[in-house]
N, C-alpha and C. Protein backbone atom coordinates (compact mmCIF):
# COMPACT_ATOMS: atom_id res chain seq x y z
N MET A 1 117.28 92.52 93.55
CA MET A 1 116.03 92.35 92.82
C MET A 1 115.25 91.16 93.38
N THR A 2 115.92 90.05 93.64
CA THR A 2 115.22 88.89 94.18
C THR A 2 114.70 89.16 95.58
N GLU A 3 115.39 89.98 96.32
CA GLU A 3 114.91 90.33 97.66
C GLU A 3 113.61 91.13 97.55
N LEU A 4 113.58 92.01 96.59
CA LEU A 4 112.38 92.83 96.37
C LEU A 4 111.18 91.96 96.00
N LEU A 5 111.39 90.97 95.11
CA LEU A 5 110.31 90.07 94.72
C LEU A 5 109.87 89.20 95.89
N GLN A 6 110.83 88.74 96.69
CA GLN A 6 110.49 87.92 97.84
C GLN A 6 109.66 88.71 98.85
N THR A 7 109.96 90.00 98.95
CA THR A 7 109.24 90.82 99.92
C THR A 7 107.83 91.14 99.43
N TYR A 8 107.70 91.49 98.16
CA TYR A 8 106.41 91.97 97.62
C TYR A 8 105.72 90.97 96.70
N TRP A 9 105.98 89.68 96.82
CA TRP A 9 105.36 88.71 95.92
C TRP A 9 103.85 88.68 96.03
N PRO A 10 103.25 88.88 97.20
CA PRO A 10 101.77 88.89 97.21
C PRO A 10 101.20 90.06 96.40
N ALA A 11 101.84 91.23 96.45
CA ALA A 11 101.35 92.39 95.70
C ALA A 11 101.51 92.16 94.20
N VAL A 12 102.61 91.53 93.79
CA VAL A 12 102.84 91.23 92.37
C VAL A 12 101.79 90.23 91.87
N ALA A 13 101.48 89.22 92.67
CA ALA A 13 100.48 88.23 92.28
C ALA A 13 99.10 88.86 92.15
N ILE A 14 98.74 89.73 93.10
CA ILE A 14 97.45 90.41 93.04
C ILE A 14 97.37 91.31 91.81
N ALA A 15 98.45 92.04 91.51
CA ALA A 15 98.47 92.91 90.33
C ALA A 15 98.33 92.09 89.05
N LEU A 16 98.96 90.92 89.00
CA LEU A 16 98.87 90.06 87.82
C LEU A 16 97.44 89.55 87.62
N VAL A 17 96.82 89.11 88.70
CA VAL A 17 95.45 88.61 88.61
C VAL A 17 94.50 89.74 88.23
N LEU A 18 94.69 90.92 88.83
CA LEU A 18 93.86 92.08 88.51
C LEU A 18 94.02 92.47 87.03
N GLY A 19 95.24 92.43 86.51
CA GLY A 19 95.49 92.73 85.10
C GLY A 19 94.79 91.74 84.18
N LEU A 20 94.81 90.44 84.53
CA LEU A 20 94.13 89.43 83.73
C LEU A 20 92.61 89.64 83.74
N VAL A 21 92.05 89.99 84.89
CA VAL A 21 90.61 90.23 84.99
C VAL A 21 90.22 91.44 84.14
N ILE A 22 90.99 92.50 84.20
CA ILE A 22 90.69 93.69 83.39
C ILE A 22 90.81 93.38 81.91
N ALA A 23 91.83 92.64 81.49
CA ALA A 23 92.00 92.28 80.08
C ALA A 23 90.84 91.43 79.60
N TRP A 24 90.40 90.47 80.43
CA TRP A 24 89.26 89.62 80.06
C TRP A 24 88.01 90.47 79.89
N TYR A 25 87.79 91.41 80.80
CA TYR A 25 86.61 92.27 80.73
C TYR A 25 86.64 93.14 79.46
N VAL A 26 87.79 93.72 79.13
CA VAL A 26 87.91 94.59 77.96
C VAL A 26 87.63 93.81 76.69
N PHE A 27 88.18 92.61 76.56
CA PHE A 27 87.96 91.82 75.34
C PHE A 27 86.52 91.33 75.23
N ASN A 28 85.92 90.96 76.33
CA ASN A 28 84.54 90.47 76.28
C ASN A 28 83.52 91.59 76.20
N ALA A 29 83.81 92.75 76.73
CA ALA A 29 82.87 93.86 76.69
C ALA A 29 82.76 94.45 75.28
N SER A 30 83.78 94.27 74.45
CA SER A 30 83.73 94.83 73.09
C SER A 30 82.91 93.97 72.15
N ARG A 31 82.58 92.77 72.53
CA ARG A 31 81.74 91.91 71.68
C ARG A 31 80.30 92.38 71.73
N ARG A 32 79.59 92.14 70.66
CA ARG A 32 78.18 92.52 70.62
C ARG A 32 77.36 91.60 71.51
N THR A 33 76.42 92.17 72.16
CA THR A 33 75.55 91.36 73.00
C THR A 33 74.42 90.79 72.16
N ARG A 34 73.94 89.65 72.55
CA ARG A 34 72.86 89.00 71.82
C ARG A 34 71.52 89.47 72.37
N VAL A 35 70.56 89.57 71.49
CA VAL A 35 69.21 89.90 71.90
C VAL A 35 68.50 88.58 72.15
N THR A 36 68.06 88.39 73.37
CA THR A 36 67.44 87.12 73.71
C THR A 36 65.93 87.23 73.85
N GLY A 37 65.41 88.44 73.87
CA GLY A 37 63.97 88.62 74.02
C GLY A 37 63.24 88.32 72.73
N THR A 38 61.95 88.16 72.82
CA THR A 38 61.15 87.94 71.63
C THR A 38 60.58 89.29 71.18
N VAL A 39 60.72 89.56 69.92
CA VAL A 39 60.22 90.81 69.36
C VAL A 39 58.92 90.51 68.62
N LYS A 40 57.91 91.26 68.95
CA LYS A 40 56.63 91.06 68.28
C LYS A 40 56.49 92.06 67.15
N ASP A 41 55.88 91.61 66.10
CA ASP A 41 55.62 92.43 64.93
C ASP A 41 54.21 92.99 65.04
N VAL A 42 53.95 94.04 64.29
CA VAL A 42 52.61 94.63 64.26
C VAL A 42 51.60 93.61 63.75
N LEU A 43 52.03 92.77 62.81
CA LEU A 43 51.12 91.77 62.26
C LEU A 43 50.78 90.70 63.30
N ASP A 44 51.70 90.46 64.26
CA ASP A 44 51.43 89.48 65.31
C ASP A 44 50.32 89.97 66.24
N GLU A 45 50.14 91.27 66.30
CA GLU A 45 49.13 91.84 67.20
C GLU A 45 47.77 91.94 66.53
N GLY A 46 47.63 91.44 65.30
CA GLY A 46 46.34 91.41 64.64
C GLY A 46 46.14 92.46 63.57
N ALA A 47 47.15 93.28 63.29
CA ALA A 47 46.98 94.28 62.24
C ALA A 47 46.94 93.60 60.88
N ALA A 48 46.21 94.17 59.96
CA ALA A 48 46.09 93.61 58.62
C ALA A 48 47.31 94.01 57.79
N PRO A 49 47.72 93.13 56.88
CA PRO A 49 48.83 93.52 56.01
C PRO A 49 48.45 94.71 55.13
N ALA A 50 49.44 95.46 54.73
CA ALA A 50 49.20 96.63 53.88
C ALA A 50 48.60 96.18 52.56
N GLU A 51 47.70 96.99 52.02
CA GLU A 51 47.07 96.66 50.75
C GLU A 51 48.02 96.97 49.61
N ARG A 52 47.93 96.19 48.58
CA ARG A 52 48.76 96.40 47.40
C ARG A 52 48.25 97.62 46.64
N ASN A 53 49.15 98.25 45.93
CA ASN A 53 48.78 99.40 45.12
C ASN A 53 48.15 98.88 43.82
N LYS A 54 46.84 98.83 43.81
CA LYS A 54 46.12 98.27 42.67
C LYS A 54 46.35 99.05 41.38
N ALA A 55 46.59 100.35 41.50
CA ALA A 55 46.81 101.15 40.29
C ALA A 55 48.08 100.69 39.58
N LEU A 56 49.12 100.36 40.34
CA LEU A 56 50.36 99.89 39.72
C LEU A 56 50.22 98.47 39.19
N ILE A 57 49.48 97.65 39.91
CA ILE A 57 49.33 96.26 39.50
C ILE A 57 48.48 96.17 38.23
N ASP A 58 47.41 96.96 38.15
CA ASP A 58 46.48 96.87 37.03
C ASP A 58 46.92 97.67 35.80
N SER A 59 47.91 98.54 35.95
CA SER A 59 48.31 99.37 34.81
C SER A 59 49.07 98.53 33.79
N ALA A 60 49.09 99.03 32.57
CA ALA A 60 49.79 98.34 31.49
C ALA A 60 51.29 98.44 31.73
N PRO A 61 52.03 97.42 31.31
CA PRO A 61 53.48 97.49 31.50
C PRO A 61 54.08 98.64 30.69
N ALA A 62 55.17 99.17 31.21
CA ALA A 62 55.85 100.27 30.54
C ALA A 62 56.39 99.79 29.20
N ALA A 63 56.47 100.69 28.26
CA ALA A 63 56.98 100.35 26.94
C ALA A 63 58.45 99.97 27.06
N ARG A 64 58.81 98.89 26.45
CA ARG A 64 60.19 98.42 26.50
C ARG A 64 60.89 98.80 25.22
N GLN A 65 62.06 99.38 25.38
CA GLN A 65 62.85 99.73 24.20
C GLN A 65 63.82 98.62 23.92
N GLU A 66 63.89 98.22 22.69
CA GLU A 66 64.87 97.22 22.31
C GLU A 66 66.24 97.89 22.25
N PRO A 67 67.27 97.26 22.81
CA PRO A 67 68.59 97.88 22.75
C PRO A 67 69.11 97.92 21.32
N ARG A 68 69.70 99.05 20.99
CA ARG A 68 70.28 99.19 19.66
C ARG A 68 71.69 98.61 19.66
N PRO A 69 72.06 97.89 18.63
CA PRO A 69 73.45 97.47 18.53
C PRO A 69 74.34 98.70 18.40
N ALA A 70 75.33 98.78 19.27
CA ALA A 70 76.15 99.99 19.35
C ALA A 70 76.97 100.23 18.09
N ALA A 71 77.47 99.17 17.49
CA ALA A 71 78.38 99.37 16.37
C ALA A 71 77.74 99.07 15.03
N LYS A 72 76.43 98.96 14.99
CA LYS A 72 75.80 98.63 13.71
C LYS A 72 75.82 99.85 12.79
N ALA A 73 76.48 99.71 11.69
CA ALA A 73 76.59 100.82 10.76
C ALA A 73 75.29 100.95 9.98
N ALA A 74 75.07 102.13 9.44
CA ALA A 74 73.84 102.37 8.69
C ALA A 74 73.76 101.48 7.46
N ALA A 75 74.91 101.15 6.87
CA ALA A 75 74.90 100.36 5.64
C ALA A 75 75.47 98.97 5.89
N GLY A 76 74.68 98.09 6.47
CA GLY A 76 75.04 96.67 6.54
C GLY A 76 76.12 96.27 7.52
N GLY A 77 76.30 96.96 8.61
CA GLY A 77 77.29 96.54 9.61
C GLY A 77 76.74 95.43 10.48
N ASP A 78 77.63 94.78 11.21
CA ASP A 78 77.23 93.70 12.12
C ASP A 78 77.18 94.23 13.55
N ASP A 79 76.53 93.48 14.40
CA ASP A 79 76.50 93.80 15.82
C ASP A 79 77.76 93.23 16.45
N LEU A 80 78.79 94.04 16.54
CA LEU A 80 80.08 93.59 17.05
C LEU A 80 80.03 93.20 18.52
N THR A 81 78.99 93.61 19.23
CA THR A 81 78.89 93.26 20.64
C THR A 81 78.59 91.77 20.85
N ARG A 82 78.31 91.05 19.77
CA ARG A 82 78.12 89.60 19.88
C ARG A 82 79.44 88.89 20.13
N ILE A 83 80.56 89.56 19.85
CA ILE A 83 81.88 89.01 20.14
C ILE A 83 82.09 89.10 21.65
N LYS A 84 82.42 87.98 22.28
CA LYS A 84 82.64 87.96 23.72
C LYS A 84 83.83 88.84 24.07
N GLY A 85 83.63 89.71 25.06
CA GLY A 85 84.69 90.62 25.48
C GLY A 85 84.65 91.95 24.76
N LEU A 86 83.70 92.14 23.88
CA LEU A 86 83.58 93.38 23.13
C LEU A 86 82.22 93.99 23.46
N GLY A 87 82.23 94.97 24.36
CA GLY A 87 80.99 95.60 24.80
C GLY A 87 80.63 96.80 23.97
N PRO A 88 79.60 97.52 24.37
CA PRO A 88 79.12 98.67 23.61
C PRO A 88 80.17 99.78 23.46
N LYS A 89 80.95 100.03 24.50
CA LYS A 89 81.96 101.09 24.40
C LYS A 89 83.03 100.73 23.38
N LEU A 90 83.49 99.48 23.41
CA LEU A 90 84.49 99.05 22.44
C LEU A 90 83.90 99.01 21.04
N ALA A 91 82.65 98.60 20.91
CA ALA A 91 82.01 98.56 19.59
C ALA A 91 81.92 99.97 19.02
N ALA A 92 81.57 100.95 19.87
CA ALA A 92 81.50 102.34 19.40
C ALA A 92 82.89 102.84 19.01
N LEU A 93 83.90 102.46 19.79
CA LEU A 93 85.27 102.87 19.47
C LEU A 93 85.73 102.26 18.15
N LEU A 94 85.40 100.97 17.95
CA LEU A 94 85.75 100.34 16.67
C LEU A 94 84.98 100.97 15.51
N GLY A 95 83.73 101.34 15.76
CA GLY A 95 82.96 102.03 14.72
C GLY A 95 83.60 103.34 14.32
N ASP A 96 84.15 104.06 15.31
CA ASP A 96 84.87 105.31 15.01
C ASP A 96 86.12 105.04 14.19
N LEU A 97 86.70 103.85 14.36
CA LEU A 97 87.90 103.49 13.60
C LEU A 97 87.56 102.88 12.25
N GLY A 98 86.26 102.75 11.95
CA GLY A 98 85.84 102.23 10.65
C GLY A 98 85.61 100.73 10.62
N VAL A 99 85.64 100.08 11.76
CA VAL A 99 85.42 98.63 11.82
C VAL A 99 83.96 98.40 12.19
N THR A 100 83.20 97.81 11.25
CA THR A 100 81.77 97.63 11.47
C THR A 100 81.27 96.22 11.20
N SER A 101 82.13 95.31 10.76
CA SER A 101 81.64 93.97 10.42
C SER A 101 82.57 92.89 10.95
N PHE A 102 81.98 91.69 11.08
CA PHE A 102 82.76 90.55 11.53
C PHE A 102 83.85 90.21 10.51
N ALA A 103 83.55 90.39 9.23
CA ALA A 103 84.51 90.06 8.18
C ALA A 103 85.77 90.93 8.31
N GLN A 104 85.59 92.20 8.68
CA GLN A 104 86.76 93.07 8.86
C GLN A 104 87.63 92.58 10.02
N VAL A 105 87.00 92.23 11.12
CA VAL A 105 87.75 91.75 12.28
C VAL A 105 88.40 90.41 11.97
N ALA A 106 87.70 89.54 11.26
CA ALA A 106 88.24 88.22 10.90
C ALA A 106 89.45 88.33 10.00
N ALA A 107 89.55 89.41 9.24
CA ALA A 107 90.66 89.58 8.29
C ALA A 107 91.89 90.23 8.91
N TRP A 108 91.83 90.60 10.18
CA TRP A 108 92.98 91.25 10.81
C TRP A 108 94.17 90.31 10.87
N ASP A 109 95.35 90.85 10.53
CA ASP A 109 96.61 90.13 10.74
C ASP A 109 97.29 90.73 11.97
N ASP A 110 98.49 90.23 12.31
CA ASP A 110 99.17 90.69 13.53
C ASP A 110 99.44 92.19 13.52
N ARG A 111 99.83 92.71 12.36
CA ARG A 111 100.13 94.14 12.26
C ARG A 111 98.88 94.99 12.48
N GLU A 112 97.77 94.54 11.90
CA GLU A 112 96.50 95.26 12.06
C GLU A 112 96.01 95.17 13.51
N ILE A 113 96.19 94.01 14.14
CA ILE A 113 95.81 93.85 15.54
C ILE A 113 96.60 94.83 16.41
N GLU A 114 97.89 94.94 16.17
CA GLU A 114 98.73 95.88 16.94
C GLU A 114 98.28 97.32 16.71
N ARG A 115 97.93 97.66 15.46
CA ARG A 115 97.51 99.03 15.16
C ARG A 115 96.20 99.37 15.88
N ILE A 116 95.23 98.47 15.79
CA ILE A 116 93.94 98.72 16.44
C ILE A 116 94.11 98.68 17.96
N ASP A 117 94.89 97.73 18.45
CA ASP A 117 95.08 97.58 19.89
C ASP A 117 95.71 98.82 20.52
N ALA A 118 96.59 99.47 19.79
CA ALA A 118 97.24 100.68 20.29
C ALA A 118 96.23 101.82 20.45
N GLN A 119 95.10 101.75 19.78
CA GLN A 119 94.10 102.81 19.85
C GLN A 119 92.96 102.50 20.82
N LEU A 120 93.05 101.36 21.52
CA LEU A 120 91.98 100.97 22.42
C LEU A 120 92.12 101.53 23.83
N GLY A 121 93.21 102.23 24.11
CA GLY A 121 93.38 102.85 25.41
C GLY A 121 93.44 101.82 26.53
N ARG A 122 92.55 101.97 27.52
CA ARG A 122 92.58 101.08 28.68
C ARG A 122 92.09 99.67 28.37
N PHE A 123 91.56 99.47 27.17
CA PHE A 123 91.11 98.15 26.75
C PHE A 123 92.19 97.39 25.98
N GLN A 124 93.39 97.92 25.99
CA GLN A 124 94.49 97.34 25.22
C GLN A 124 94.72 95.89 25.65
N GLY A 125 94.93 95.01 24.69
CA GLY A 125 95.20 93.61 24.96
C GLY A 125 93.97 92.71 24.86
N ARG A 126 92.78 93.32 24.77
CA ARG A 126 91.55 92.53 24.72
C ARG A 126 91.43 91.73 23.43
N ILE A 127 91.98 92.24 22.34
CA ILE A 127 91.82 91.57 21.04
C ILE A 127 92.40 90.17 21.09
N THR A 128 93.63 90.05 21.57
CA THR A 128 94.27 88.73 21.60
C THR A 128 93.80 87.91 22.79
N ARG A 129 93.58 88.56 23.94
CA ARG A 129 93.17 87.82 25.13
C ARG A 129 91.80 87.16 24.93
N ASP A 130 90.87 87.86 24.29
CA ASP A 130 89.53 87.33 24.08
C ASP A 130 89.36 86.67 22.70
N ASP A 131 90.41 86.63 21.91
CA ASP A 131 90.42 86.01 20.58
C ASP A 131 89.29 86.54 19.70
N TRP A 132 89.28 87.86 19.50
CA TRP A 132 88.25 88.48 18.68
C TRP A 132 88.30 87.98 17.25
N VAL A 133 89.50 87.75 16.73
CA VAL A 133 89.63 87.33 15.33
C VAL A 133 89.00 85.95 15.14
N GLY A 134 89.28 85.03 16.04
CA GLY A 134 88.70 83.69 15.95
C GLY A 134 87.19 83.71 16.08
N GLN A 135 86.70 84.53 17.00
CA GLN A 135 85.25 84.65 17.16
C GLN A 135 84.61 85.25 15.92
N ALA A 136 85.26 86.29 15.39
CA ALA A 136 84.71 86.98 14.22
C ALA A 136 84.68 86.06 12.99
N LYS A 137 85.68 85.18 12.87
CA LYS A 137 85.69 84.25 11.73
C LYS A 137 84.46 83.34 11.78
N LEU A 138 84.15 82.83 12.97
CA LEU A 138 82.99 81.95 13.10
C LEU A 138 81.69 82.71 12.89
N LEU A 139 81.60 83.93 13.43
CA LEU A 139 80.38 84.72 13.26
C LEU A 139 80.20 85.19 11.82
N ALA A 140 81.28 85.54 11.14
CA ALA A 140 81.19 85.97 9.74
C ALA A 140 80.75 84.82 8.84
N ALA A 141 81.17 83.60 9.20
CA ALA A 141 80.77 82.42 8.42
C ALA A 141 79.37 81.97 8.77
N GLY A 142 78.78 82.52 9.82
CA GLY A 142 77.44 82.13 10.25
C GLY A 142 77.43 80.83 11.04
N ASP A 143 78.58 80.40 11.52
CA ASP A 143 78.70 79.14 12.27
C ASP A 143 78.44 79.38 13.75
N GLU A 144 77.16 79.55 14.09
CA GLU A 144 76.81 79.83 15.48
C GLU A 144 76.98 78.59 16.35
N GLY A 145 76.83 77.41 15.78
CA GLY A 145 77.05 76.17 16.53
C GLY A 145 78.52 76.02 16.92
N GLY A 146 79.39 76.27 15.96
CA GLY A 146 80.83 76.21 16.24
C GLY A 146 81.24 77.29 17.23
N PHE A 147 80.61 78.46 17.12
CA PHE A 147 80.90 79.55 18.05
C PHE A 147 80.48 79.15 19.47
N ALA A 148 79.29 78.56 19.58
CA ALA A 148 78.79 78.16 20.90
C ALA A 148 79.66 77.07 21.50
N THR A 149 80.15 76.16 20.67
CA THR A 149 81.01 75.08 21.17
C THR A 149 82.32 75.63 21.70
N LYS A 150 82.92 76.56 20.97
CA LYS A 150 84.25 77.07 21.34
C LYS A 150 84.20 78.19 22.36
N TYR A 151 83.24 79.10 22.25
CA TYR A 151 83.23 80.31 23.08
C TYR A 151 82.01 80.42 24.01
N GLY A 152 81.08 79.53 23.89
CA GLY A 152 79.88 79.60 24.73
C GLY A 152 78.71 80.14 23.92
N LYS A 153 77.54 80.01 24.51
CA LYS A 153 76.30 80.40 23.83
C LYS A 153 76.29 81.90 23.57
N LEU A 154 75.74 82.28 22.43
CA LEU A 154 75.56 83.69 22.10
C LEU A 154 74.49 84.28 22.99
N ASP A 155 74.68 85.52 23.37
CA ASP A 155 73.70 86.20 24.22
C ASP A 155 72.52 86.69 23.43
């Protein structure tokens, strides 16, 4: 083997250098090339900017619908979506379960939390993780300052 290398060492060296050159070319050729020229815009050539659509600008704003509280019951329910971590889907689900007020949520004990939590499907665990009972106690008492201090500003 050493005799073979001694005989053909120039060919091995040339092959090694050629392999390095090809590898360098392959790695550098795959990189994106930079654009170095200057690109002119139509506006640079003196064209006027497009005119604004005056009909849209001058028209009256579209009527805005106020969002309905999802869980507000017809007879004196609260907007349960004010509880952090309780969105419209959960409020509707709680409404189907008969829960419509902060006082009801504030009165939940561990057994009631487990019962309701088992019916929340993929939202299971949100009651304790987001402390709905603690939030509901403050909202039922009307203590928005205490709520903002502990859980953040109401939306």
